[in-house]
Amino acid sequence: MFTVISRIFHFGFKNFWRNGWLSTVTVVIMTLALFVFVGLILFNVITNRAATSIQDKIDISVYFNTNAPEDQILNIQQSLQSLPQVQNVEYISRDQALDTFKQNHSQDPTISQAINELGVNPLEASLNIKAKDPSQYATIADYLASPSLSQYIDSVSYTQNQEIIDRLARIVKDVELGGLIIALILTLIAGLVVFNTIRLAIYSNREEIGVMRVVGASNSLTRGPYVVEGMLCGAIATVVALAIIAPALYLVNPYLNVFIPGLEIFHYYYTHLLSLFVYALIFSIVVGGLSSFVAVKRYLKN
């Protein structure tokens, strides 16, 4: 058994070097497929981080009528905090809102003078509500719409924030779908290239294969070297793809951090390099080995 396996690998490596140009083309195509495959994994990391960053900045602001009693607002705050969908509720009183407004417009004397001339505080008390998950804001908004609470509420900033969440979800979904389609197309192309490469290799070695079958070589011994050749193309493509992706991520990392603070995609890449290598290697070996197996099997049936 060990002798048979060693011969299979020996002839597999021999076939790879003997079919140099075809093997190179196969590696290039599989490398492109791996770019998209690994890119989808990294894109998922980026979109999740972007979604989290945006979600952290999104909340529901509930503005109360100026005549709403403060104790009633505090009761509503407690009732909201008891909801399983709510992560945090922050109360901003009318005085706090006025102080913040004055600080934000301290450089504008016209606004400061207008506030002083009013003599009363025109701003409303509010509650800033952060949900545990963005999909739960609808449930919180429905809760606030109940008659027992809505009588004290002037407005709820739910609709505008929900549009942002829904738009983000649609964009992420569309881009992921597009990337998946591209990955499938390149995977199919890579599989066809490996398939045809192995068929050409079989055709050029048909006399050798014929001799092997005449002397009683098993199908495993005949098929094995070509399967090894396809798997070898996949393994080399994995190393090449990851080696090219690393400096590319290093260069784009600062620009991504501008749009998504704290992302550090390059740090994620090298800390997860082993798992990415395993995923990419399995993907490429399956594509290369399976395509080779099918090609040789079709030939042996003829």
Protein backbone atom coordinates (compact mmCIF):
# COMPACT_ATOMS: atom_id res chain seq x y z
CA MET A 1 0.00 0.00 0.00
CA PHE A 2 2.81 2.42 0.87
CA THR A 3 4.54 1.62 -2.43
CA VAL A 4 1.36 2.33 -4.41
CA ILE A 5 0.76 5.65 -2.61
CA SER A 6 4.39 6.75 -3.07
CA ARG A 7 4.16 5.93 -6.80
CA ILE A 8 0.92 7.87 -7.14
CA PHE A 9 2.49 10.98 -5.58
CA HIS A 10 5.72 10.51 -7.55
CA PHE A 11 3.92 10.39 -10.89
CA GLY A 12 1.57 13.17 -9.80
CA PHE A 13 4.47 15.57 -9.18
CA LYS A 14 6.12 14.37 -12.38
CA ASN A 15 2.98 15.12 -14.39
CA PHE A 16 2.74 18.58 -12.84
CA TRP A 17 6.25 19.58 -13.94
CA ARG A 18 5.93 17.84 -17.32
CA ASN A 19 2.79 19.85 -18.13
CA GLY A 20 4.40 23.13 -17.07
CA TRP A 21 2.39 25.66 -19.07
CA LEU A 22 -0.93 23.94 -18.50
CA SER A 23 -0.17 23.64 -14.80
CA THR A 24 0.71 27.35 -14.66
CA VAL A 25 -2.57 28.36 -16.31
CA THR A 26 -4.46 26.10 -13.92
CA VAL A 27 -2.73 27.65 -10.90
CA VAL A 28 -3.47 31.19 -12.16
CA ILE A 29 -7.19 30.48 -12.67
CA MET A 30 -7.49 28.76 -9.29
CA THR A 31 -5.64 31.68 -7.68
CA LEU A 32 -8.26 34.07 -9.08
CA ALA A 33 -11.02 31.85 -7.71
CA LEU A 34 -9.29 31.86 -4.32
CA PHE A 35 -9.02 35.66 -4.40
CA VAL A 36 -12.79 35.83 -4.53
CA PHE A 37 -13.25 33.00 -2.01
CA VAL A 38 -10.96 34.59 0.61
CA GLY A 39 -12.30 38.01 -0.37
CA LEU A 40 -15.82 36.90 0.54
CA ILE A 41 -14.61 35.82 3.98
CA LEU A 42 -12.83 39.14 4.55
CA PHE A 43 -15.74 41.10 3.11
CA ASN A 44 -18.04 39.42 5.61
CA VAL A 45 -15.71 40.59 8.40
CA ILE A 46 -15.69 44.15 7.00
CA THR A 47 -19.47 44.35 6.57
CA ASN A 48 -20.10 42.94 10.05
CA ARG A 49 -17.73 45.51 11.54
CA ALA A 50 -19.31 48.30 9.50
CA ALA A 51 -22.80 47.22 10.48
CA THR A 52 -21.77 47.06 14.15
CA SER A 53 -20.18 50.51 13.92
CA ILE A 54 -23.33 52.00 12.43
CA GLN A 55 -25.63 50.14 14.79
CA ASP A 56 -23.69 51.50 17.77
CA LYS A 57 -24.54 55.02 16.59
CA ILE A 58 -28.24 54.31 15.96
CA ASP A 59 -30.85 54.59 18.65
CA ILE A 60 -34.44 55.74 19.14
CA SER A 61 -34.95 59.21 20.57
CA VAL A 62 -38.30 59.79 22.26
CA TYR A 63 -39.24 63.46 22.75
CA PHE A 64 -41.87 64.29 25.36
CA ASN A 65 -44.34 67.14 25.49
CA THR A 66 -43.05 70.12 27.45
CA ASN A 67 -45.89 69.69 29.94
CA ALA A 68 -45.20 65.97 30.53
CA PRO A 69 -44.47 65.34 34.27
CA GLU A 70 -40.87 64.31 34.92
CA ASP A 71 -41.93 61.49 37.25
CA GLN A 72 -44.05 60.05 34.42
CA ILE A 73 -41.06 60.19 32.05
CA LEU A 74 -38.93 58.37 34.62
CA ASN A 75 -41.64 55.72 34.97
CA ILE A 76 -41.61 55.24 31.19
CA GLN A 77 -37.81 54.93 31.35
CA GLN A 78 -38.09 52.15 33.95
CA SER A 79 -40.75 50.33 31.94
CA LEU A 80 -38.54 50.49 28.83
CA GLN A 81 -35.53 49.16 30.73
CA SER A 82 -37.59 46.15 31.76
CA LEU A 83 -38.20 45.17 28.12
CA PRO A 84 -35.99 42.24 26.96
CA GLN A 85 -35.31 44.04 23.65
CA VAL A 86 -33.79 47.11 25.32
CA GLN A 87 -30.09 47.38 26.10
CA ASN A 88 -29.94 50.87 27.58
CA VAL A 89 -32.15 53.92 28.14
CA GLU A 90 -30.66 57.35 28.77
CA TYR A 91 -32.78 60.18 30.18
CA ILE A 92 -32.03 63.75 29.09
CA SER A 93 -33.98 66.36 31.02
CA ARG A 94 -35.08 69.68 29.56
CA ASP A 95 -32.37 71.50 31.52
CA GLN A 96 -29.70 69.10 30.27
CA ALA A 97 -30.93 69.49 26.70
CA LEU A 98 -30.78 73.30 27.06
CA ASP A 99 -27.26 73.22 28.51
CA THR A 100 -26.07 70.96 25.67
CA PHE A 101 -27.73 73.21 23.10
CA LYS A 102 -26.04 76.29 24.53
CA GLN A 103 -22.63 74.59 24.53
CA ASN A 104 -23.04 73.47 20.92
CA HIS A 105 -23.96 77.01 19.83
CA SER A 106 -21.72 78.95 22.18
CA GLN A 107 -19.93 80.52 19.19
CA ASP A 108 -23.18 81.81 17.71
CA PRO A 109 -24.25 84.95 19.65
CA THR A 110 -27.53 85.26 17.73
CA ILE A 111 -28.83 81.90 18.94
CA SER A 112 -27.58 82.50 22.48
CA GLN A 113 -29.35 85.88 22.57
CA ALA A 114 -32.58 84.37 21.19
CA ILE A 115 -32.58 81.69 23.92
CA ASN A 116 -32.03 84.29 26.63
CA GLU A 117 -34.81 86.52 25.31
CA LEU A 118 -37.33 83.67 25.35
CA GLY A 119 -37.14 83.46 29.10
CA VAL A 120 -38.38 79.85 29.08
CA ASN A 121 -36.83 76.57 28.08
CA PRO A 122 -38.29 75.58 24.67
CA LEU A 123 -36.55 72.19 24.52
CA GLU A 124 -38.18 68.87 25.34
CA ALA A 125 -37.04 66.12 27.65
CA SER A 126 -36.10 62.93 25.85
CA LEU A 127 -35.12 59.29 26.22
CA ASN A 128 -32.39 57.77 24.05
CA ILE A 129 -33.11 54.06 23.66
CA LYS A 130 -30.58 51.54 22.37
CA ALA A 131 -31.84 48.09 21.44
CA LYS A 132 -29.89 44.86 21.78
CA ASP A 133 -30.46 44.20 18.08
CA PRO A 134 -31.51 46.65 15.31
CA SER A 135 -34.39 44.38 14.29
CA GLN A 136 -35.97 44.98 17.72
CA TYR A 137 -36.48 48.72 17.25
CA ALA A 138 -39.82 48.04 15.58
CA THR A 139 -41.06 46.23 18.71
CA ILE A 140 -39.90 49.12 20.91
CA ALA A 141 -41.60 51.66 18.62
CA ASP A 142 -44.85 49.67 18.81
CA TYR A 143 -44.58 49.67 22.59
CA LEU A 144 -44.17 53.46 22.63
CA ALA A 145 -47.21 53.84 20.39
CA SER A 146 -49.54 52.44 23.06
CA PRO A 147 -52.19 55.00 24.19
CA SER A 148 -50.97 54.99 27.79
CA LEU A 149 -47.57 56.28 26.66
CA SER A 150 -48.24 58.19 23.45
CA GLN A 151 -50.26 60.84 25.31
CA TYR A 152 -47.00 62.12 26.83
CA ILE A 153 -44.90 61.75 23.67
CA ASP A 154 -44.40 64.45 21.07
CA SER A 155 -42.32 62.48 18.55
CA VAL A 156 -40.24 59.29 18.11
CA SER A 157 -37.22 59.24 15.77
CA TYR A 158 -37.73 55.64 14.65
CA THR A 159 -38.66 55.82 10.97
CA GLN A 160 -35.58 57.75 9.84
CA ASN A 161 -33.17 55.47 11.69
CA GLN A 162 -34.95 52.36 10.45
CA GLU A 163 -34.47 53.49 6.86
CA ILE A 164 -30.71 53.66 7.48
CA ILE A 165 -30.67 50.15 8.98
CA ASP A 166 -32.76 48.69 6.15
CA ARG A 167 -30.65 50.42 3.50
CA LEU A 168 -27.45 49.08 5.06
CA ALA A 169 -28.88 45.57 5.20
CA ARG A 170 -29.89 45.73 1.52
CA ILE A 171 -26.48 46.99 0.41
CA VAL A 172 -24.65 44.28 2.36
CA LYS A 173 -26.99 41.59 1.05
CA ASP A 174 -26.62 42.72 -2.58
CA VAL A 175 -22.83 42.92 -2.42
CA GLU A 176 -22.57 39.52 -0.72
CA LEU A 177 -24.84 37.99 -3.38
CA GLY A 178 -22.75 39.55 -6.14
CA GLY A 179 -19.54 38.26 -4.59
CA LEU A 180 -21.03 34.78 -4.19
CA ILE A 181 -22.07 34.69 -7.85
CA ILE A 182 -18.57 35.78 -8.95
CA ALA A 183 -17.01 33.12 -6.69
CA LEU A 184 -19.24 30.41 -8.14
CA ILE A 185 -18.42 31.47 -11.70
CA LEU A 186 -14.67 31.51 -11.05
CA THR A 187 -14.93 28.17 -9.22
CA LEU A 188 -16.69 26.68 -12.24
CA ILE A 189 -14.05 28.14 -14.57
CA ALA A 190 -11.25 26.81 -12.35
CA GLY A 191 -12.86 23.38 -12.30
CA LEU A 192 -13.22 23.35 -16.10
CA VAL A 193 -9.61 24.48 -16.55
CA VAL A 194 -8.35 21.70 -14.26
CA PHE A 195 -10.65 19.22 -16.00
CA ASN A 196 -9.34 20.11 -19.48
CA THR A 197 -5.73 20.32 -18.26
CA ILE A 198 -5.94 16.77 -16.94
CA ARG A 199 -7.65 15.57 -20.13
CA LEU A 200 -4.84 17.05 -22.21
CA ALA A 201 -2.28 15.45 -19.91
CA ILE A 202 -4.08 12.11 -20.26
CA TYR A 203 -4.14 12.47 -24.05
CA SER A 204 -0.40 13.21 -24.20
CA ASN A 205 0.28 10.22 -21.93
CA ARG A 206 -2.28 7.88 -23.49
CA GLU A 207 0.34 5.33 -24.60
CA GLU A 208 1.80 5.20 -21.11
CA ILE A 209 -1.66 4.76 -19.60
CA GLY A 210 -2.42 2.04 -22.15
CA VAL A 211 0.70 0.13 -21.12
CA MET A 212 -0.24 0.46 -17.46
CA ARG A 213 -3.68 -0.97 -18.11
CA VAL A 214 -2.27 -3.82 -20.21
CA VAL A 215 0.09 -4.89 -17.43
CA GLY A 216 -2.83 -4.86 -14.99
CA ALA A 217 -2.42 -1.55 -13.16
CA SER A 218 -5.45 -0.77 -11.04
CA ASN A 219 -7.72 2.18 -11.72
CA SER A 220 -6.47 3.76 -8.50
CA LEU A 221 -2.87 3.67 -9.68
CA THR A 222 -3.90 5.02 -13.09
CA ARG A 223 -6.16 7.73 -11.72
CA GLY A 224 -4.19 8.74 -8.64
CA PRO A 225 -1.31 10.73 -10.22
CA TYR A 226 -3.73 12.99 -12.09
CA VAL A 227 -5.81 13.59 -8.99
CA VAL A 228 -2.60 14.45 -7.12
CA GLU A 229 -1.67 16.83 -9.96
CA GLY A 230 -4.99 18.65 -9.62
CA MET A 231 -4.65 18.84 -5.84
CA LEU A 232 -1.08 20.12 -6.20
CA CYS A 233 -2.31 22.93 -8.46
CA GLY A 234 -4.84 23.84 -5.80
CA ALA A 235 -2.27 23.80 -2.99
CA ILE A 236 0.15 26.04 -4.91
CA ALA A 237 -2.70 28.40 -5.83
CA THR A 238 -3.57 28.68 -2.13
CA VAL A 239 -0.06 29.76 -1.16
CA VAL A 240 0.16 32.20 -4.08
CA ALA A 241 -3.25 33.74 -3.37
CA LEU A 242 -2.61 34.28 0.36
CA ALA A 243 0.88 35.64 -0.36
CA ILE A 244 -0.57 38.26 -2.74
CA ILE A 245 -3.54 39.15 -0.52
CA ALA A 246 -1.33 39.96 2.51
CA PRO A 247 0.50 43.03 1.09
CA ALA A 248 -2.68 44.19 -0.65
CA LEU A 249 -4.52 44.25 2.68
CA TYR A 250 -1.58 46.01 4.33
CA LEU A 251 -1.82 48.81 1.77
CA VAL A 252 -5.61 49.29 1.96
CA ASN A 253 -5.82 48.88 5.75
CA PRO A 254 -5.27 52.61 6.56
CA TYR A 255 -7.95 53.67 4.06
CA LEU A 256 -10.48 51.20 5.44
CA ASN A 257 -9.80 52.49 8.96
CA VAL A 258 -10.81 55.98 7.82
CA PHE A 259 -14.28 54.74 6.86
CA ILE A 260 -14.61 52.08 9.56
CA PRO A 261 -12.62 53.08 12.68
CA GLY A 262 -11.05 50.19 14.53
CA LEU A 263 -11.47 47.69 11.70
CA GLU A 264 -7.78 46.64 11.35
CA ILE A 265 -8.46 44.14 8.57
CA PHE A 266 -4.74 43.36 8.17
CA HIS A 267 -4.52 42.49 11.87
CA TYR A 268 -7.51 40.17 11.43
CA TYR A 269 -5.82 38.61 8.38
CA TYR A 270 -2.55 37.61 10.00
CA THR A 271 -4.17 36.57 13.29
CA HIS A 272 -6.55 34.30 11.35
CA LEU A 273 -4.04 33.29 8.66
CA LEU A 274 -3.99 29.64 9.68
CA SER A 275 -7.78 29.24 9.51
CA LEU A 276 -7.92 31.17 6.21
CA PHE A 277 -5.18 28.92 4.84
CA VAL A 278 -7.08 25.78 5.87
CA TYR A 279 -10.36 27.02 4.33
CA ALA A 280 -8.65 28.08 1.10
CA LEU A 281 -6.64 24.84 0.92
CA ILE A 282 -9.73 22.68 1.37
CA PHE A 283 -11.57 24.74 -1.26
CA SER A 284 -8.76 24.51 -3.84
CA ILE A 285 -7.93 20.85 -3.21
CA VAL A 286 -11.58 19.86 -3.51
CA VAL A 287 -11.95 21.80 -6.78
CA GLY A 288 -8.66 20.53 -8.23
CA GLY A 289 -8.94 16.95 -7.00
CA LEU A 290 -12.59 16.52 -7.92
CA SER A 291 -12.12 17.95 -11.42
CA SER A 292 -9.15 15.64 -12.00
CA PHE A 293 -11.04 12.65 -10.65
CA VAL A 294 -13.97 13.28 -13.01
CA ALA A 295 -11.65 13.77 -16.00
CA VAL A 296 -9.76 10.51 -15.43
CA LYS A 297 -12.94 8.60 -14.66
CA ARG A 298 -14.47 9.67 -17.96
CA TYR A 299 -11.34 8.61 -19.80
CA LEU A 300 -11.19 5.19 -18.13
CA LYS A 301 -14.81 4.54 -19.09
CA ASN A 302 -13.99 5.00 -22.77
